Amino acid sequence: MDTQTFLTSIQSSDADKRFAAWREAGSVSPSLIPQLGKLAGSADPGQSKAAIEALTTMTHSVGKDPKSANRAAVTQGLLDLNSAAFALPVRIHALRLTSNIAGEDAVPAVAKEIGNPDLGEEVVYCLERIPGNASIQALMNAYKDAAEDFKPRILAALGHRRAAAAVALCTDAMRSANKEIAIAGAKAFARIGSKPAAPPSFPPEAGLSDWQKMERMDSMLRYAEAQAKAGNAADAMAIYKVALEQAQEHVQCAAIIGIGKLATAEAAGLLLPKLKSPIRNVRITAQKTWKGIASA
């Protein structure tokens, strides 16, 4: 489909023509992206829908093949849509599409809008999905000056990326007086799972909501599991001992299962009192774990 026919069809009052055009968008030139961006912000819902879908089709067409000749041009075209010249929904859509195909060279252009309250969430989502160290560093650089209520989102992204470089940032966040930040730091730190230079200090329970207390303990157990896998049995055991004393049966059961994987004499000793626990699920889990250690 030639350029003019494509643009005419995207703007057609005929829904079938619009549909046919956007399905062919993968074969048209990326130079049309600015015009599609304008049409995507149109007050006409049919034109807007067709243009948005055309941008999506174009992105998917190059996303299937990292060596596609148009991949760089499509990426740059999408990055160019993230400007004040385009409607906010178009900018948001462009960032989401960018996250599917961008490489490290796109990070500076994406990251420059991280402080924009209307786009910050989309920028973090995009950076989170761009592989390589540049995106991780951009997230870490943005953290210091980020609004307090946005810092947990950046921490979550670093946790999802399992960014070992962000361990110190996360342990510092765990000491924040802001409970949301402290818990977000704990969750990210636990997801990363790397042992810091100094023993980690999880947020104190005082002042936490019931949900935050649960997230705190879940993070501790996740970190313990990571340490057990890494061969740091002592660090894992210290957390499991704390978890065994918690009232919640699911926490005790998680600790018992973790202890069972360590399968040491000390681990077996910790399980002894739980073999006669008044809590049925805890007792059964302990008995099964005990048998597993014995058979090993």
C-alpha atoms as a PDB file:
ATOM      1  CA  MET A   1       0.000   0.000   0.000  1.00  0.00           C
ATOM      2  CA  ASP A   2       1.439   3.379  -1.012  1.00  0.00           C
ATOM      3  CA  THR A   3       1.801   6.206   1.510  1.00  0.00           C
ATOM      4  CA  GLN A   4      -1.087   8.352   0.342  1.00  0.00           C
ATOM      5  CA  THR A   5      -3.512   5.438   0.045  1.00  0.00           C
ATOM      6  CA  PHE A   6      -2.520   4.307   3.536  1.00  0.00           C
ATOM      7  CA  LEU A   7      -3.101   7.719   5.150  1.00  0.00           C
ATOM      8  CA  THR A   8      -6.358   8.213   3.270  1.00  0.00           C
ATOM      9  CA  SER A   9      -7.580   4.808   4.412  1.00  0.00           C
ATOM     10  CA  ILE A  10      -6.613   5.425   8.051  1.00  0.00           C
ATOM     11  CA  GLN A  11      -8.777   8.573   7.964  1.00  0.00           C
ATOM     12  CA  SER A  12     -11.618   6.986   6.018  1.00  0.00           C
ATOM     13  CA  SER A  13     -15.175   7.028   7.323  1.00  0.00           C
ATOM     14  CA  ASP A  14     -15.340   3.372   6.257  1.00  0.00           C
ATOM     15  CA  ALA A  15     -14.395   1.142   9.217  1.00  0.00           C
ATOM     16  CA  ASP A  16     -13.385  -1.717   6.928  1.00  0.00           C
ATOM     17  CA  LYS A  17     -10.934   0.502   5.058  1.00  0.00           C
ATOM     18  CA  ARG A  18      -9.436   1.736   8.325  1.00  0.00           C
ATOM     19  CA  PHE A  19      -9.077  -1.823   9.564  1.00  0.00           C
ATOM     20  CA  ALA A  20      -7.438  -2.999   6.352  1.00  0.00           C
ATOM     21  CA  ALA A  21      -5.003  -0.080   6.500  1.00  0.00           C
ATOM     22  CA  TRP A  22      -3.832  -0.614  10.059  1.00  0.00           C
ATOM     23  CA  ARG A  23      -3.340  -4.307   9.380  1.00  0.00           C
ATOM     24  CA  GLU A  24      -0.918  -3.306   6.596  1.00  0.00           C
ATOM     25  CA  ALA A  25       0.963  -0.748   8.702  1.00  0.00           C
ATOM     26  CA  GLY A  26       3.974  -3.020   9.063  1.00  0.00           C
ATOM     27  CA  SER A  27       4.769  -2.531   5.385  1.00  0.00           C
ATOM     28  CA  VAL A  28       4.659   1.281   5.330  1.00  0.00           C
ATOM     29  CA  SER A  29       7.531   3.677   5.999  1.00  0.00           C
ATOM     30  CA  PRO A  30       8.360   4.628   9.626  1.00  0.00           C
ATOM     31  CA  SER A  31       8.505   8.221   8.356  1.00  0.00           C
ATOM     32  CA  LEU A  32       4.701   8.225   8.726  1.00  0.00           C
ATOM     33  CA  ILE A  33       4.898   7.828  12.506  1.00  0.00           C
ATOM     34  CA  PRO A  34       4.572  11.580  13.240  1.00  0.00           C
ATOM     35  CA  GLN A  35       1.421  11.778  11.114  1.00  0.00           C
ATOM     36  CA  LEU A  36       0.020   8.677  12.782  1.00  0.00           C
ATOM     37  CA  GLY A  37       0.787  10.268  16.130  1.00  0.00           C
ATOM     38  CA  LYS A  38      -1.267  13.315  15.223  1.00  0.00           C
ATOM     39  CA  LEU A  39      -4.128  11.164  13.964  1.00  0.00           C
ATOM     40  CA  ALA A  40      -3.974   9.040  17.117  1.00  0.00           C
ATOM     41  CA  GLY A  41      -4.845  12.178  19.074  1.00  0.00           C
ATOM     42  CA  SER A  42      -7.783  12.966  16.809  1.00  0.00           C
ATOM     43  CA  ALA A  43     -11.197  13.742  18.267  1.00  0.00           C
ATOM     44  CA  ASP A  44     -12.610  11.309  15.711  1.00  0.00           C
ATOM     45  CA  PRO A  45     -12.664   7.951  17.584  1.00  0.00           C
ATOM     46  CA  GLY A  46     -12.443   5.915  14.384  1.00  0.00           C
ATOM     47  CA  GLN A  47      -9.368   7.741  13.119  1.00  0.00           C
ATOM     48  CA  SER A  48      -7.764   7.702  16.549  1.00  0.00           C
ATOM     49  CA  LYS A  49      -8.313   3.969  16.947  1.00  0.00           C
ATOM     50  CA  ALA A  50      -6.974   3.219  13.474  1.00  0.00           C
ATOM     51  CA  ALA A  51      -3.842   5.321  13.991  1.00  0.00           C
ATOM     52  CA  ILE A  52      -3.115   3.791  17.394  1.00  0.00           C
ATOM     53  CA  GLU A  53      -3.519   0.287  16.007  1.00  0.00           C
ATOM     54  CA  ALA A  54      -1.311   1.188  13.043  1.00  0.00           C
ATOM     55  CA  LEU A  55       1.457   2.266  15.407  1.00  0.00           C
ATOM     56  CA  THR A  56       1.043  -1.006  17.299  1.00  0.00           C
ATOM     57  CA  THR A  57       1.152  -3.078  14.126  1.00  0.00           C
ATOM     58  CA  MET A  58       4.243  -1.230  12.917  1.00  0.00           C
ATOM     59  CA  THR A  59       5.987  -1.865  16.248  1.00  0.00           C
ATOM     60  CA  HIS A  60       5.094  -5.542  16.292  1.00  0.00           C
ATOM     61  CA  SER A  61       6.327  -5.945  12.736  1.00  0.00           C
ATOM     62  CA  VAL A  62       9.861  -4.931  13.731  1.00  0.00           C
ATOM     63  CA  GLY A  63       9.647  -6.464  17.199  1.00  0.00           C
ATOM     64  CA  LYS A  64       9.472  -9.954  15.715  1.00  0.00           C
ATOM     65  CA  ASP A  65      12.910  -9.536  14.165  1.00  0.00           C
ATOM     66  CA  PRO A  66      15.726  -7.777  16.078  1.00  0.00           C
ATOM     67  CA  LYS A  67      17.579  -7.418  12.774  1.00  0.00           C
ATOM     68  CA  SER A  68      14.687  -5.727  10.994  1.00  0.00           C
ATOM     69  CA  ALA A  69      15.864  -2.895   8.716  1.00  0.00           C
ATOM     70  CA  ASN A  70      13.155  -0.587  10.090  1.00  0.00           C
ATOM     71  CA  ARG A  71      13.598  -1.362  13.777  1.00  0.00           C
ATOM     72  CA  ALA A  72      15.841   1.625  14.576  1.00  0.00           C
ATOM     73  CA  ALA A  73      13.642   4.017  12.601  1.00  0.00           C
ATOM     74  CA  VAL A  74      10.456   2.802  14.284  1.00  0.00           C
ATOM     75  CA  THR A  75      12.074   3.109  17.708  1.00  0.00           C
ATOM     76  CA  GLN A  76      13.211   6.646  16.983  1.00  0.00           C
ATOM     77  CA  GLY A  77       9.798   7.539  15.598  1.00  0.00           C
ATOM     78  CA  LEU A  78       8.117   6.352  18.775  1.00  0.00           C
ATOM     79  CA  LEU A  79      10.622   8.258  20.905  1.00  0.00           C
ATOM     80  CA  ASP A  80       9.834  11.401  18.913  1.00  0.00           C
ATOM     81  CA  LEU A  81       6.138  11.022  19.767  1.00  0.00           C
ATOM     82  CA  ASN A  82       7.005  11.631  23.408  1.00  0.00           C
ATOM     83  CA  SER A  83       6.878  15.409  23.137  1.00  0.00           C
ATOM     84  CA  ALA A  84       4.409  18.146  24.024  1.00  0.00           C
ATOM     85  CA  ALA A  85       3.348  18.279  20.380  1.00  0.00           C
ATOM     86  CA  PHE A  86       1.341  15.081  20.863  1.00  0.00           C
ATOM     87  CA  ALA A  87      -1.636  14.256  23.051  1.00  0.00           C
ATOM     88  CA  LEU A  88      -0.912  12.639  26.408  1.00  0.00           C
ATOM     89  CA  PRO A  89      -2.639   9.317  25.555  1.00  0.00           C
ATOM     90  CA  VAL A  90      -0.504   9.130  22.420  1.00  0.00           C
ATOM     91  CA  ARG A  91       2.679   9.718  24.412  1.00  0.00           C
ATOM     92  CA  ILE A  92       1.681   7.013  26.878  1.00  0.00           C
ATOM     93  CA  HIS A  93       0.960   4.551  24.082  1.00  0.00           C
ATOM     94  CA  ALA A  94       4.262   5.391  22.396  1.00  0.00           C
ATOM     95  CA  LEU A  95       6.211   4.673  25.593  1.00  0.00           C
ATOM     96  CA  ARG A  96       4.473   1.328  26.013  1.00  0.00           C
ATOM     97  CA  LEU A  97       5.317   0.403  22.444  1.00  0.00           C
ATOM     98  CA  THR A  98       8.884   1.626  22.889  1.00  0.00           C
ATOM     99  CA  SER A  99       9.319  -0.742  25.818  1.00  0.00           C
ATOM    100  CA  ASN A 100       8.888  -3.658  23.402  1.00  0.00           C
ATOM    101  CA  ILE A 101      11.695  -2.791  21.001  1.00  0.00           C
ATOM    102  CA  ALA A 102      14.069  -0.218  22.495  1.00  0.00           C
ATOM    103  CA  GLY A 103      17.716  -0.887  23.245  1.00  0.00           C
ATOM    104  CA  GLU A 104      20.119   0.828  25.618  1.00  0.00           C
ATOM    105  CA  ASP A 105      20.685   3.719  23.234  1.00  0.00           C
ATOM    106  CA  ALA A 106      17.058   4.803  23.799  1.00  0.00           C
ATOM    107  CA  VAL A 107      17.447   5.112  27.578  1.00  0.00           C
ATOM    108  CA  PRO A 108      18.391   8.844  27.740  1.00  0.00           C
ATOM    109  CA  ALA A 109      15.419   9.849  25.597  1.00  0.00           C
ATOM    110  CA  VAL A 110      13.032   7.775  27.691  1.00  0.00           C
ATOM    111  CA  ALA A 111      14.462   8.723  31.085  1.00  0.00           C
ATOM    112  CA  LYS A 112      14.257  12.488  30.539  1.00  0.00           C
ATOM    113  CA  GLU A 113      10.515  12.396  31.266  1.00  0.00           C
ATOM    114  CA  ILE A 114      10.713  10.364  34.469  1.00  0.00           C
ATOM    115  CA  GLY A 115       9.992  13.441  36.573  1.00  0.00           C
ATOM    116  CA  ASN A 116       6.830  14.220  34.598  1.00  0.00           C
ATOM    117  CA  PRO A 117       3.924  13.334  36.918  1.00  0.00           C
ATOM    118  CA  ASP A 118       1.740  12.441  33.938  1.00  0.00           C
ATOM    119  CA  LEU A 119       4.300  10.092  32.414  1.00  0.00           C
ATOM    120  CA  GLY A 120       6.522   8.887  35.256  1.00  0.00           C
ATOM    121  CA  GLU A 121       4.768   5.532  35.629  1.00  0.00           C
ATOM    122  CA  GLU A 122       5.048   4.844  31.906  1.00  0.00           C
ATOM    123  CA  VAL A 123       8.707   5.876  31.839  1.00  0.00           C
ATOM    124  CA  VAL A 124       9.578   3.521  34.692  1.00  0.00           C
ATOM    125  CA  TYR A 125       7.643   0.709  33.034  1.00  0.00           C
ATOM    126  CA  CYS A 126       9.528   1.327  29.804  1.00  0.00           C
ATOM    127  CA  LEU A 127      12.952   1.495  31.478  1.00  0.00           C
ATOM    128  CA  GLU A 128      12.160  -1.626  33.465  1.00  0.00           C
ATOM    129  CA  ARG A 129      11.747  -3.541  30.200  1.00  0.00           C
ATOM    130  CA  ILE A 130      14.792  -2.202  28.357  1.00  0.00           C
ATOM    131  CA  PRO A 131      17.639  -4.702  28.813  1.00  0.00           C
ATOM    132  CA  GLY A 132      21.121  -3.713  29.895  1.00  0.00           C
ATOM    133  CA  ASN A 133      22.756  -1.695  32.653  1.00  0.00           C
ATOM    134  CA  ALA A 134      21.886   1.740  31.248  1.00  0.00           C
ATOM    135  CA  SER A 135      18.213   1.418  32.161  1.00  0.00           C
ATOM    136  CA  ILE A 136      19.062   0.228  35.674  1.00  0.00           C
ATOM    137  CA  GLN A 137      21.421   3.156  36.166  1.00  0.00           C
ATOM    138  CA  ALA A 138      18.777   5.573  34.881  1.00  0.00           C
ATOM    139  CA  LEU A 139      16.298   4.284  37.463  1.00  0.00           C
ATOM    140  CA  MET A 140      18.871   4.576  40.236  1.00  0.00           C
ATOM    141  CA  ASN A 141      19.819   8.100  39.149  1.00  0.00           C
ATOM    142  CA  ALA A 142      16.183   9.177  39.190  1.00  0.00           C
ATOM    143  CA  TYR A 143      15.504   7.825  42.673  1.00  0.00           C
ATOM    144  CA  LYS A 144      17.169  10.594  44.677  1.00  0.00           C
ATOM    145  CA  ASP A 145      15.107  13.429  43.217  1.00  0.00           C
ATOM    146  CA  ALA A 146      11.868  11.472  42.804  1.00  0.00           C
ATOM    147  CA  ALA A 147       8.767  12.474  44.739  1.00  0.00           C
ATOM    148  CA  GLU A 148       8.298  10.502  47.959  1.00  0.00           C
ATOM    149  CA  ASP A 149       5.159   8.803  46.690  1.00  0.00           C
ATOM    150  CA  PHE A 150       6.949   7.751  43.485  1.00  0.00           C
ATOM    151  CA  LYS A 151      10.040   6.218  45.043  1.00  0.00           C
ATOM    152  CA  PRO A 152       8.297   2.899  45.800  1.00  0.00           C
ATOM    153  CA  ARG A 153       7.571   2.499  42.074  1.00  0.00           C
ATOM    154  CA  ILE A 154      11.238   2.954  41.179  1.00  0.00           C
ATOM    155  CA  LEU A 155      12.246   0.500  43.886  1.00  0.00           C
ATOM    156  CA  ALA A 156       9.735  -2.020  42.544  1.00  0.00           C
ATOM    157  CA  ALA A 157      11.251  -1.707  39.072  1.00  0.00           C
ATOM    158  CA  LEU A 158      14.748  -2.317  40.414  1.00  0.00           C
ATOM    159  CA  GLY A 159      13.465  -5.335  42.291  1.00  0.00           C
ATOM    160  CA  HIS A 160      11.781  -6.739  39.201  1.00  0.00           C
ATOM    161  CA  ARG A 161      15.050  -6.323  37.330  1.00  0.00           C
ATOM    162  CA  ARG A 162      16.916  -8.046  40.178  1.00  0.00           C
ATOM    163  CA  ALA A 163      19.449  -5.253  39.901  1.00  0.00           C
ATOM    164  CA  ALA A 164      22.390  -6.207  42.118  1.00  0.00           C
ATOM    165  CA  ALA A 165      23.795  -2.705  41.630  1.00  0.00           C
ATOM    166  CA  ALA A 166      20.784  -1.330  43.538  1.00  0.00           C
ATOM    167  CA  VAL A 167      21.274  -3.359  46.729  1.00  0.00           C
ATOM    168  CA  ALA A 168      22.764  -0.442  48.678  1.00  0.00           C
ATOM    169  CA  LEU A 169      19.978   1.850  47.508  1.00  0.00           C
ATOM    170  CA  CYS A 170      17.377  -0.677  48.675  1.00  0.00           C
ATOM    171  CA  THR A 171      18.943  -1.241  52.085  1.00  0.00           C
ATOM    172  CA  ASP A 172      19.063   2.526  52.561  1.00  0.00           C
ATOM    173  CA  ALA A 173      15.390   2.760  51.597  1.00  0.00           C
ATOM    174  CA  MET A 174      14.546   0.106  54.217  1.00  0.00           C
ATOM    175  CA  ARG A 175      15.709   2.572  56.879  1.00  0.00           C
ATOM    176  CA  SER A 176      13.362   5.322  55.658  1.00  0.00           C
ATOM    177  CA  ALA A 177      10.922   6.860  58.111  1.00  0.00           C
ATOM    178  CA  ASN A 178       8.371   6.668  55.310  1.00  0.00           C
ATOM    179  CA  LYS A 179       6.836   3.226  55.789  1.00  0.00           C
ATOM    180  CA  GLU A 180       5.785   2.883  52.146  1.00  0.00           C
ATOM    181  CA  ILE A 181       9.348   3.497  51.014  1.00  0.00           C
ATOM    182  CA  ALA A 182      10.784   1.229  53.697  1.00  0.00           C
ATOM    183  CA  ILE A 183       8.559  -1.692  52.712  1.00  0.00           C
ATOM    184  CA  ALA A 184       9.140  -1.082  48.998  1.00  0.00           C
ATOM    185  CA  GLY A 185      12.870  -1.151  49.719  1.00  0.00           C
ATOM    186  CA  ALA A 186      12.513  -4.444  51.574  1.00  0.00           C
ATOM    187  CA  LYS A 187      10.513  -6.033  48.762  1.00  0.00           C
ATOM    188  CA  ALA A 188      12.997  -4.907  46.114  1.00  0.00           C
ATOM    189  CA  PHE A 189      15.984  -6.000  48.213  1.00  0.00           C
ATOM    190  CA  ALA A 190      14.460  -9.437  48.737  1.00  0.00           C
ATOM    191  CA  ARG A 191      13.699  -9.863  45.034  1.00  0.00           C
ATOM    192  CA  ILE A 192      17.271  -8.985  44.146  1.00  0.00           C
ATOM    193  CA  GLY A 193      18.491 -11.478  46.729  1.00  0.00           C
ATOM    194  CA  SER A 194      22.126 -10.357  46.794  1.00  0.00           C
ATOM    195  CA  LYS A 195      23.897 -10.237  50.143  1.00  0.00           C
ATOM    196  CA  PRO A 196      25.035  -6.700  51.060  1.00  0.00           C
ATOM    197  CA  ALA A 197      28.371  -5.825  52.643  1.00  0.00           C
ATOM    198  CA  ALA A 198      26.700  -5.195  56.028  1.00  0.00           C
ATOM    199  CA  PRO A 199      23.899  -7.298  57.526  1.00  0.00           C
ATOM    200  CA  PRO A 200      20.543  -5.997  56.218  1.00  0.00           C
ATOM    201  CA  SER A 201      18.163  -4.255  58.587  1.00  0.00           C
ATOM    202  CA  PHE A 202      14.561  -4.887  57.644  1.00  0.00           C
ATOM    203  CA  PRO A 203      12.036  -2.199  58.659  1.00  0.00           C
ATOM    204  CA  PRO A 204      10.859  -2.518  62.278  1.00  0.00           C
ATOM    205  CA  GLU A 205       7.277  -3.693  62.730  1.00  0.00           C
ATOM    206  CA  ALA A 206       6.328  -0.670  64.859  1.00  0.00           C
ATOM    207  CA  GLY A 207       3.989   1.582  62.944  1.00  0.00           C
ATOM    208  CA  LEU A 208       3.360  -0.844  60.104  1.00  0.00           C
ATOM    209  CA  SER A 209      -0.131  -1.806  58.998  1.00  0.00           C
ATOM    210  CA  ASP A 210      -1.111  -5.462  59.103  1.00  0.00           C
ATOM    211  CA  TRP A 211      -0.585  -5.690  55.343  1.00  0.00           C
ATOM    212  CA  GLN A 212       2.844  -4.068  55.588  1.00  0.00           C
ATOM    213  CA  LYS A 213       3.814  -6.478  58.359  1.00  0.00           C
ATOM    214  CA  MET A 214       2.917  -9.359  56.075  1.00  0.00           C
ATOM    215  CA  GLU A 215       4.918  -7.857  53.199  1.00  0.00           C
ATOM    216  CA  ARG A 216       7.870  -7.351  55.534  1.00  0.00           C
ATOM    217  CA  MET A 217       7.856 -10.985  56.618  1.00  0.00           C
ATOM    218  CA  ASP A 218       7.330 -12.232  53.071  1.00  0.00           C
ATOM    219  CA  SER A 219      10.362 -10.183  52.009  1.00  0.00           C
ATOM    220  CA  MET A 220      12.450 -11.618  54.809  1.00  0.00           C
ATOM    221  CA  LEU A 221      11.495 -15.154  53.784  1.00  0.00           C
ATOM    222  CA  ARG A 222      12.245 -14.418  50.125  1.00  0.00           C
ATOM    223  CA  TYR A 223      15.666 -13.088  51.083  1.00  0.00           C
ATOM    224  CA  ALA A 224      16.289 -16.128  53.286  1.00  0.00           C
ATOM    225  CA  GLU A 225      15.472 -18.416  50.371  1.00  0.00           C
ATOM    226  CA  ALA A 226      17.922 -16.544  48.155  1.00  0.00           C
ATOM    227  CA  GLN A 227      20.648 -16.859  50.776  1.00  0.00           C
ATOM    228  CA  ALA A 228      19.988 -20.568  51.189  1.00  0.00           C
ATOM    229  CA  LYS A 229      20.345 -21.055  47.434  1.00  0.00           C
ATOM    230  CA  ALA A 230      23.565 -19.060  47.483  1.00  0.00           C
ATOM    231  CA  GLY A 231      25.005 -21.299  50.211  1.00  0.00           C
ATOM    232  CA  ASN A 232      24.677 -18.715  52.997  1.00  0.00           C
ATOM    233  CA  ALA A 233      22.901 -21.088  55.366  1.00  0.00           C
ATOM    234  CA  ALA A 234      23.612 -19.072  58.503  1.00  0.00           C
ATOM    235  CA  ASP A 235      21.942 -15.952  57.098  1.00  0.00           C
ATOM    236  CA  ALA A 236      18.930 -17.956  55.988  1.00  0.00           C
ATOM    237  CA  MET A 237      18.670 -19.770  59.319  1.00  0.00           C
ATOM    238  CA  ALA A 238      18.651 -16.511  61.282  1.00  0.00           C
ATOM    239  CA  ILE A 239      15.541 -15.382  59.417  1.00  0.00           C
ATOM    240  CA  TYR A 240      13.845 -18.771  59.606  1.00  0.00           C
ATOM    241  CA  LYS A 241      14.254 -18.746  63.387  1.00  0.00           C
ATOM    242  CA  VAL A 242      12.398 -15.427  63.547  1.00  0.00           C
ATOM    243  CA  ALA A 243       9.680 -16.695  61.225  1.00  0.00           C
ATOM    244  CA  LEU A 244       9.090 -19.806  63.331  1.00  0.00           C
ATOM    245  CA  GLU A 245       8.050 -17.582  66.226  1.00  0.00           C
ATOM    246  CA  GLN A 246       5.373 -15.749  64.242  1.00  0.00           C
ATOM    247  CA  ALA A 247       1.716 -16.416  64.961  1.00  0.00           C
ATOM    248  CA  GLN A 248       0.637 -16.826  61.326  1.00  0.00           C
ATOM    249  CA  GLU A 249       0.613 -20.458  60.287  1.00  0.00           C
ATOM    250  CA  HIS A 250       1.574 -19.725  56.672  1.00  0.00           C
ATOM    251  CA  VAL A 251       4.710 -17.924  57.895  1.00  0.00           C
ATOM    252  CA  GLN A 252       5.673 -20.833  60.142  1.00  0.00           C
ATOM    253  CA  CYS A 253       5.044 -23.292  57.311  1.00  0.00           C
ATOM    254  CA  ALA A 254       7.169 -21.273  54.906  1.00  0.00           C
ATOM    255  CA  ALA A 255       9.996 -21.213  57.427  1.00  0.00           C
ATOM    256  CA  ILE A 256       9.699 -24.949  58.020  1.00  0.00           C
ATOM    257  CA  ILE A 257       9.900 -25.679  54.296  1.00  0.00           C
ATOM    258  CA  GLY A 258      12.928 -23.399  53.980  1.00  0.00           C
ATOM    259  CA  ILE A 259      14.618 -25.066  56.941  1.00  0.00           C
ATOM    260  CA  GLY A 260      13.939 -28.459  55.393  1.00  0.00           C
ATOM    261  CA  LYS A 261      15.831 -27.463  52.259  1.00  0.00           C
ATOM    262  CA  LEU A 262      18.890 -26.694  54.362  1.00  0.00           C
ATOM    263  CA  ALA A 263      18.713 -30.246  55.748  1.00  0.00           C
ATOM    264  CA  THR A 264      21.336 -29.774  58.474  1.00  0.00           C
ATOM    265  CA  ALA A 265      21.458 -31.049  62.030  1.00  0.00           C
ATOM    266  CA  GLU A 266      20.634 -27.542  63.266  1.00  0.00           C
ATOM    267  CA  ALA A 267      17.673 -27.438  60.891  1.00  0.00           C
ATOM    268  CA  ALA A 268      16.357 -30.729  62.228  1.00  0.00           C
ATOM    269  CA  GLY A 269      16.700 -29.447  65.794  1.00  0.00           C
ATOM    270  CA  LEU A 270      14.606 -26.375  65.008  1.00  0.00           C
ATOM    271  CA  LEU A 271      11.814 -28.568  63.673  1.00  0.00           C
ATOM    272  CA  LEU A 272      11.474 -30.707  66.798  1.00  0.00           C
ATOM    273  CA  PRO A 273       9.105 -28.388  68.716  1.00  0.00           C
ATOM    274  CA  LYS A 274       6.943 -27.928  65.622  1.00  0.00           C
ATOM    275  CA  LEU A 275       6.311 -31.674  65.303  1.00  0.00           C
ATOM    276  CA  LYS A 276       3.796 -31.270  68.129  1.00  0.00           C
ATOM    277  CA  SER A 277       2.465 -27.832  67.185  1.00  0.00           C
ATOM    278  CA  PRO A 278      -1.175 -27.227  68.173  1.00  0.00           C
ATOM    279  CA  ILE A 279      -1.675 -25.748  64.692  1.00  0.00           C
ATOM    280  CA  ARG A 280      -2.606 -28.629  62.408  1.00  0.00           C
ATOM    281  CA  ASN A 281      -1.046 -27.324  59.183  1.00  0.00           C
ATOM    282  CA  VAL A 282       2.172 -26.381  60.954  1.00  0.00           C
ATOM    283  CA  ARG A 283       2.360 -29.796  62.603  1.00  0.00           C
ATOM    284  CA  ILE A 284       1.763 -31.674  59.350  1.00  0.00           C
ATOM    285  CA  THR A 285       4.259 -29.538  57.433  1.00  0.00           C
ATOM    286  CA  ALA A 286       6.878 -30.090  60.121  1.00  0.00           C
ATOM    287  CA  GLN A 287       6.319 -33.843  60.135  1.00  0.00           C
ATOM    288  CA  LYS A 288       6.630 -34.093  56.346  1.00  0.00           C
ATOM    289  CA  THR A 289       9.727 -31.921  56.371  1.00  0.00           C
ATOM    290  CA  TRP A 290      11.263 -33.964  59.169  1.00  0.00           C
ATOM    291  CA  LYS A 291      10.769 -37.140  57.148  1.00  0.00           C
ATOM    292  CA  GLY A 292      12.335 -35.476  54.142  1.00  0.00           C
ATOM    293  CA  ILE A 293      15.431 -34.532  56.118  1.00  0.00           C
ATOM    294  CA  ALA A 294      15.664 -38.016  57.579  1.00  0.00           C
ATOM    295  CA  SER A 295      15.438 -39.691  54.177  1.00  0.00           C
ATOM    296  CA  ALA A 296      18.049 -37.328  52.744  1.00  0.00           C
END
